[in-house]
Amino acid sequence: MGIEILENILVVRTNKTSRNEVLLDLSEAAIREGYAKKGYYEALIEREDNFPTGLHLEKMDVAIPHAEAEWAIKSSVTIGVLENSVEFEPMGGFGDPVLAELIFLLTIKDPKEHIDFLRVFTTMLSESDLLTTLKQTGNPEPIVEMLKSGMPDRS
């Protein structure tokens, strides 16, 4: 499988002001690009309501929402660069609300790839300069390169 998820990166800038509006924009983009199936948005909201994905990081809050693998057509990351921070519940359900500035919407077909990606992705989240650059420029390439260097090759 290799690193299919990192070959399917989409950046969406949005000025929406609520979690659900932002997730609608991002899920519609993922569906339009052929990464997710119709109905992905509803599955995404249901999962986010039950298993929140907001994370407080050193310099910036983010969220990494996703739905179950059955909703994925291709593994991908749709990155939401938000004009306005949007409130998410914190991962684990405890703590202060997360005011996310970046959203990393995942569609993952292979659960093994999901584990590999999240392992490398969590390391990347500690690189706050990369996140700041992504927020300012909308260019995901530095993050993609870092993630590629850490992903195992499954080809």
C-alpha atoms as a PDB file:
ATOM      1  CA  MET A   1       0.000   0.000   0.000  1.00  0.00           C
ATOM      2  CA  GLY A   2       2.867   2.408   0.593  1.00  0.00           C
ATOM      3  CA  ILE A   3       1.806   5.839   1.713  1.00  0.00           C
ATOM      4  CA  GLU A   4      -1.411   6.352  -0.248  1.00  0.00           C
ATOM      5  CA  ILE A   5      -2.746   8.732   2.389  1.00  0.00           C
ATOM      6  CA  LEU A   6       0.090  11.184   1.698  1.00  0.00           C
ATOM      7  CA  GLU A   7      -0.550  11.090  -2.045  1.00  0.00           C
ATOM      8  CA  ASN A   8      -4.098  12.350  -1.460  1.00  0.00           C
ATOM      9  CA  ILE A   9      -3.763  15.688   0.329  1.00  0.00           C
ATOM     10  CA  LEU A  10      -6.268  18.470  -0.108  1.00  0.00           C
ATOM     11  CA  VAL A  11      -6.133  21.922   1.527  1.00  0.00           C
ATOM     12  CA  VAL A  12      -9.383  23.806   2.052  1.00  0.00           C
ATOM     13  CA  ARG A  13      -9.459  27.346   3.416  1.00  0.00           C
ATOM     14  CA  THR A  14     -12.723  28.142   5.148  1.00  0.00           C
ATOM     15  CA  ASN A  15     -14.255  31.051   7.030  1.00  0.00           C
ATOM     16  CA  LYS A  16     -17.051  29.010   8.616  1.00  0.00           C
ATOM     17  CA  THR A  17     -17.624  29.620  12.331  1.00  0.00           C
ATOM     18  CA  SER A  18     -18.994  26.349  13.705  1.00  0.00           C
ATOM     19  CA  ARG A  19     -17.632  22.828  13.944  1.00  0.00           C
ATOM     20  CA  ASN A  20     -20.414  21.336  11.846  1.00  0.00           C
ATOM     21  CA  GLU A  21     -20.120  23.980   9.107  1.00  0.00           C
ATOM     22  CA  VAL A  22     -16.366  23.411   8.867  1.00  0.00           C
ATOM     23  CA  LEU A  23     -16.795  19.631   8.811  1.00  0.00           C
ATOM     24  CA  LEU A  24     -19.446  19.965   6.099  1.00  0.00           C
ATOM     25  CA  ASP A  25     -17.045  22.014   3.928  1.00  0.00           C
ATOM     26  CA  LEU A  26     -14.227  19.513   4.427  1.00  0.00           C
ATOM     27  CA  SER A  27     -16.323  16.376   3.965  1.00  0.00           C
ATOM     28  CA  GLU A  28     -17.930  17.795   0.792  1.00  0.00           C
ATOM     29  CA  ALA A  29     -14.424  18.463  -0.571  1.00  0.00           C
ATOM     30  CA  ALA A  30     -13.324  14.898   0.317  1.00  0.00           C
ATOM     31  CA  ILE A  31     -16.405  13.456  -1.414  1.00  0.00           C
ATOM     32  CA  ARG A  32     -15.926  15.685  -4.479  1.00  0.00           C
ATOM     33  CA  GLU A  33     -12.279  14.519  -4.777  1.00  0.00           C
ATOM     34  CA  GLY A  34     -13.341  10.869  -4.589  1.00  0.00           C
ATOM     35  CA  TYR A  35     -11.817  10.220  -1.145  1.00  0.00           C
ATOM     36  CA  ALA A  36     -15.066   9.568   0.749  1.00  0.00           C
ATOM     37  CA  LYS A  37     -18.524   8.179   0.060  1.00  0.00           C
ATOM     38  CA  LYS A  38     -21.762  10.106   0.147  1.00  0.00           C
ATOM     39  CA  GLY A  39     -22.962  10.017   3.752  1.00  0.00           C
ATOM     40  CA  TYR A  40     -19.449  10.623   5.087  1.00  0.00           C
ATOM     41  CA  TYR A  41     -20.493  13.897   6.734  1.00  0.00           C
ATOM     42  CA  GLU A  42     -23.252  12.284   8.782  1.00  0.00           C
ATOM     43  CA  ALA A  43     -20.945   9.439   9.865  1.00  0.00           C
ATOM     44  CA  LEU A  44     -18.252  11.989  10.715  1.00  0.00           C
ATOM     45  CA  ILE A  45     -20.573  14.062  12.926  1.00  0.00           C
ATOM     46  CA  GLU A  46     -21.857  10.964  14.715  1.00  0.00           C
ATOM     47  CA  ARG A  47     -18.318   9.777  15.455  1.00  0.00           C
ATOM     48  CA  GLU A  48     -17.139  13.248  16.528  1.00  0.00           C
ATOM     49  CA  ASP A  49     -20.110  13.543  18.915  1.00  0.00           C
ATOM     50  CA  ASN A  50     -19.178  10.218  20.539  1.00  0.00           C
ATOM     51  CA  PHE A  51     -15.368  10.333  20.249  1.00  0.00           C
ATOM     52  CA  PRO A  52     -14.128  13.951  20.162  1.00  0.00           C
ATOM     53  CA  THR A  53     -10.850  14.674  18.379  1.00  0.00           C
ATOM     54  CA  GLY A  54      -9.803  18.141  19.541  1.00  0.00           C
ATOM     55  CA  LEU A  55      -6.203  18.512  20.723  1.00  0.00           C
ATOM     56  CA  HIS A  56      -4.562  21.312  22.701  1.00  0.00           C
ATOM     57  CA  LEU A  57      -1.041  21.787  21.348  1.00  0.00           C
ATOM     58  CA  GLU A  58       1.725  24.098  22.487  1.00  0.00           C
ATOM     59  CA  LYS A  59       1.082  26.930  20.005  1.00  0.00           C
ATOM     60  CA  MET A  60      -2.148  25.973  18.264  1.00  0.00           C
ATOM     61  CA  ASP A  61      -5.206  23.807  18.805  1.00  0.00           C
ATOM     62  CA  VAL A  62      -6.142  21.260  16.120  1.00  0.00           C
ATOM     63  CA  ALA A  63      -8.689  18.513  15.513  1.00  0.00           C
ATOM     64  CA  ILE A  64      -8.290  15.216  13.649  1.00  0.00           C
ATOM     65  CA  PRO A  65     -11.854  14.071  12.881  1.00  0.00           C
ATOM     66  CA  HIS A  66     -12.612  10.949  10.870  1.00  0.00           C
ATOM     67  CA  ALA A  67     -15.335   8.394  10.248  1.00  0.00           C
ATOM     68  CA  GLU A  68     -15.086   4.614  10.106  1.00  0.00           C
ATOM     69  CA  ALA A  69     -13.134   2.985   7.258  1.00  0.00           C
ATOM     70  CA  GLU A  70     -16.333   1.879   5.498  1.00  0.00           C
ATOM     71  CA  TRP A  71     -16.887   5.526   4.448  1.00  0.00           C
ATOM     72  CA  ALA A  72     -13.484   5.871   2.773  1.00  0.00           C
ATOM     73  CA  ILE A  73     -12.888   5.358  -0.949  1.00  0.00           C
ATOM     74  CA  LYS A  74      -9.202   6.345  -0.798  1.00  0.00           C
ATOM     75  CA  SER A  75      -7.009   7.134   2.174  1.00  0.00           C
ATOM     76  CA  SER A  76      -6.528  10.889   2.354  1.00  0.00           C
ATOM     77  CA  VAL A  77      -6.055  13.952   4.518  1.00  0.00           C
ATOM     78  CA  THR A  78      -8.204  16.995   3.891  1.00  0.00           C
ATOM     79  CA  ILE A  79      -6.623  19.885   5.762  1.00  0.00           C
ATOM     80  CA  GLY A  80      -8.888  22.685   6.874  1.00  0.00           C
ATOM     81  CA  VAL A  81      -7.119  26.004   7.315  1.00  0.00           C
ATOM     82  CA  LEU A  82      -9.571  28.033   9.371  1.00  0.00           C
ATOM     83  CA  GLU A  83      -9.960  31.779   9.186  1.00  0.00           C
ATOM     84  CA  ASN A  84     -11.770  31.648  12.539  1.00  0.00           C
ATOM     85  CA  SER A  85     -10.978  29.167  15.287  1.00  0.00           C
ATOM     86  CA  VAL A  86     -13.786  26.650  15.786  1.00  0.00           C
ATOM     87  CA  GLU A  87     -14.712  24.901  19.016  1.00  0.00           C
ATOM     88  CA  PHE A  88     -14.244  21.130  19.278  1.00  0.00           C
ATOM     89  CA  GLU A  89     -14.553  18.938  22.319  1.00  0.00           C
ATOM     90  CA  PRO A  90     -11.203  17.694  23.628  1.00  0.00           C
ATOM     91  CA  MET A  91     -10.056  14.185  22.791  1.00  0.00           C
ATOM     92  CA  GLY A  92     -11.061  11.938  25.670  1.00  0.00           C
ATOM     93  CA  GLY A  93     -13.953  14.258  26.507  1.00  0.00           C
ATOM     94  CA  PHE A  94     -12.217  15.976  29.437  1.00  0.00           C
ATOM     95  CA  GLY A  95     -10.749  19.453  29.702  1.00  0.00           C
ATOM     96  CA  ASP A  96     -11.369  22.847  28.221  1.00  0.00           C
ATOM     97  CA  PRO A  97     -12.929  23.214  24.782  1.00  0.00           C
ATOM     98  CA  VAL A  98     -10.436  23.118  21.913  1.00  0.00           C
ATOM     99  CA  LEU A  99     -10.375  26.208  19.688  1.00  0.00           C
ATOM    100  CA  ALA A 100      -9.059  24.501  16.559  1.00  0.00           C
ATOM    101  CA  GLU A 101      -7.257  26.544  13.918  1.00  0.00           C
ATOM    102  CA  LEU A 102      -6.315  23.575  11.713  1.00  0.00           C
ATOM    103  CA  ILE A 103      -8.396  20.490  10.986  1.00  0.00           C
ATOM    104  CA  PHE A 104      -6.895  17.267   9.649  1.00  0.00           C
ATOM    105  CA  LEU A 105      -9.887  15.340   8.268  1.00  0.00           C
ATOM    106  CA  LEU A 106      -8.881  11.732   7.669  1.00  0.00           C
ATOM    107  CA  THR A 107     -10.305   9.096   5.366  1.00  0.00           C
ATOM    108  CA  ILE A 108      -8.518   5.828   5.979  1.00  0.00           C
ATOM    109  CA  LYS A 109      -9.301   2.557   4.212  1.00  0.00           C
ATOM    110  CA  ASP A 110      -6.710   0.306   5.853  1.00  0.00           C
ATOM    111  CA  PRO A 111      -6.692   0.182   9.682  1.00  0.00           C
ATOM    112  CA  LYS A 112      -2.963  -0.711   9.666  1.00  0.00           C
ATOM    113  CA  GLU A 113      -2.203   2.421   7.661  1.00  0.00           C
ATOM    114  CA  HIS A 114      -4.316   4.391  10.150  1.00  0.00           C
ATOM    115  CA  ILE A 115      -2.130   3.246  13.056  1.00  0.00           C
ATOM    116  CA  ASP A 116       1.090   3.950  11.137  1.00  0.00           C
ATOM    117  CA  PHE A 117      -0.132   7.363  10.055  1.00  0.00           C
ATOM    118  CA  LEU A 118      -1.308   8.388  13.526  1.00  0.00           C
ATOM    119  CA  ARG A 119       2.014   7.331  15.049  1.00  0.00           C
ATOM    120  CA  VAL A 120       3.947   9.564  12.641  1.00  0.00           C
ATOM    121  CA  PHE A 121       1.270  12.279  12.678  1.00  0.00           C
ATOM    122  CA  THR A 122       1.408  12.676  16.466  1.00  0.00           C
ATOM    123  CA  THR A 123       5.165  13.209  16.198  1.00  0.00           C
ATOM    124  CA  MET A 124       4.541  15.891  13.568  1.00  0.00           C
ATOM    125  CA  LEU A 125       2.069  17.669  15.858  1.00  0.00           C
ATOM    126  CA  SER A 126       4.926  18.510  18.215  1.00  0.00           C
ATOM    127  CA  GLU A 127       6.533  20.499  15.369  1.00  0.00           C
ATOM    128  CA  SER A 128       4.595  23.686  16.078  1.00  0.00           C
ATOM    129  CA  ASP A 129       6.619  25.703  13.533  1.00  0.00           C
ATOM    130  CA  LEU A 130       5.354  23.407  10.752  1.00  0.00           C
ATOM    131  CA  LEU A 131       1.772  23.934  11.873  1.00  0.00           C
ATOM    132  CA  THR A 132       2.228  27.705  12.050  1.00  0.00           C
ATOM    133  CA  THR A 133       3.700  27.724   8.545  1.00  0.00           C
ATOM    134  CA  LEU A 134       0.807  25.610   7.250  1.00  0.00           C
ATOM    135  CA  LYS A 135      -1.724  27.986   8.817  1.00  0.00           C
ATOM    136  CA  GLN A 136       0.013  31.022   7.285  1.00  0.00           C
ATOM    137  CA  THR A 137       0.740  29.648   3.807  1.00  0.00           C
ATOM    138  CA  GLY A 138      -1.732  26.830   3.221  1.00  0.00           C
ATOM    139  CA  ASN A 139       1.187  24.818   1.786  1.00  0.00           C
ATOM    140  CA  PRO A 140       1.194  21.275   3.231  1.00  0.00           C
ATOM    141  CA  GLU A 141       4.431  20.178   1.499  1.00  0.00           C
ATOM    142  CA  PRO A 142       6.791  20.538   4.512  1.00  0.00           C
ATOM    143  CA  ILE A 143       4.409  18.480   6.649  1.00  0.00           C
ATOM    144  CA  VAL A 144       3.911  15.892   3.897  1.00  0.00           C
ATOM    145  CA  GLU A 145       7.676  15.464   3.532  1.00  0.00           C
ATOM    146  CA  MET A 146       8.098  14.987   7.281  1.00  0.00           C
ATOM    147  CA  LEU A 147       5.270  12.448   7.390  1.00  0.00           C
ATOM    148  CA  LYS A 148       6.613  10.559   4.351  1.00  0.00           C
ATOM    149  CA  SER A 149      10.013  10.206   5.995  1.00  0.00           C
ATOM    150  CA  GLY A 150       8.422   8.521   9.012  1.00  0.00           C
ATOM    151  CA  MET A 151       5.927   6.198   7.291  1.00  0.00           C
ATOM    152  CA  PRO A 152       6.876   2.583   6.664  1.00  0.00           C
ATOM    153  CA  ASP A 153       6.895   1.523   3.009  1.00  0.00           C
ATOM    154  CA  ARG A 154       4.252  -1.163   2.464  1.00  0.00           C
ATOM    155  CA  SER A 155       4.608  -1.504  -1.310  1.00  0.00           C
END
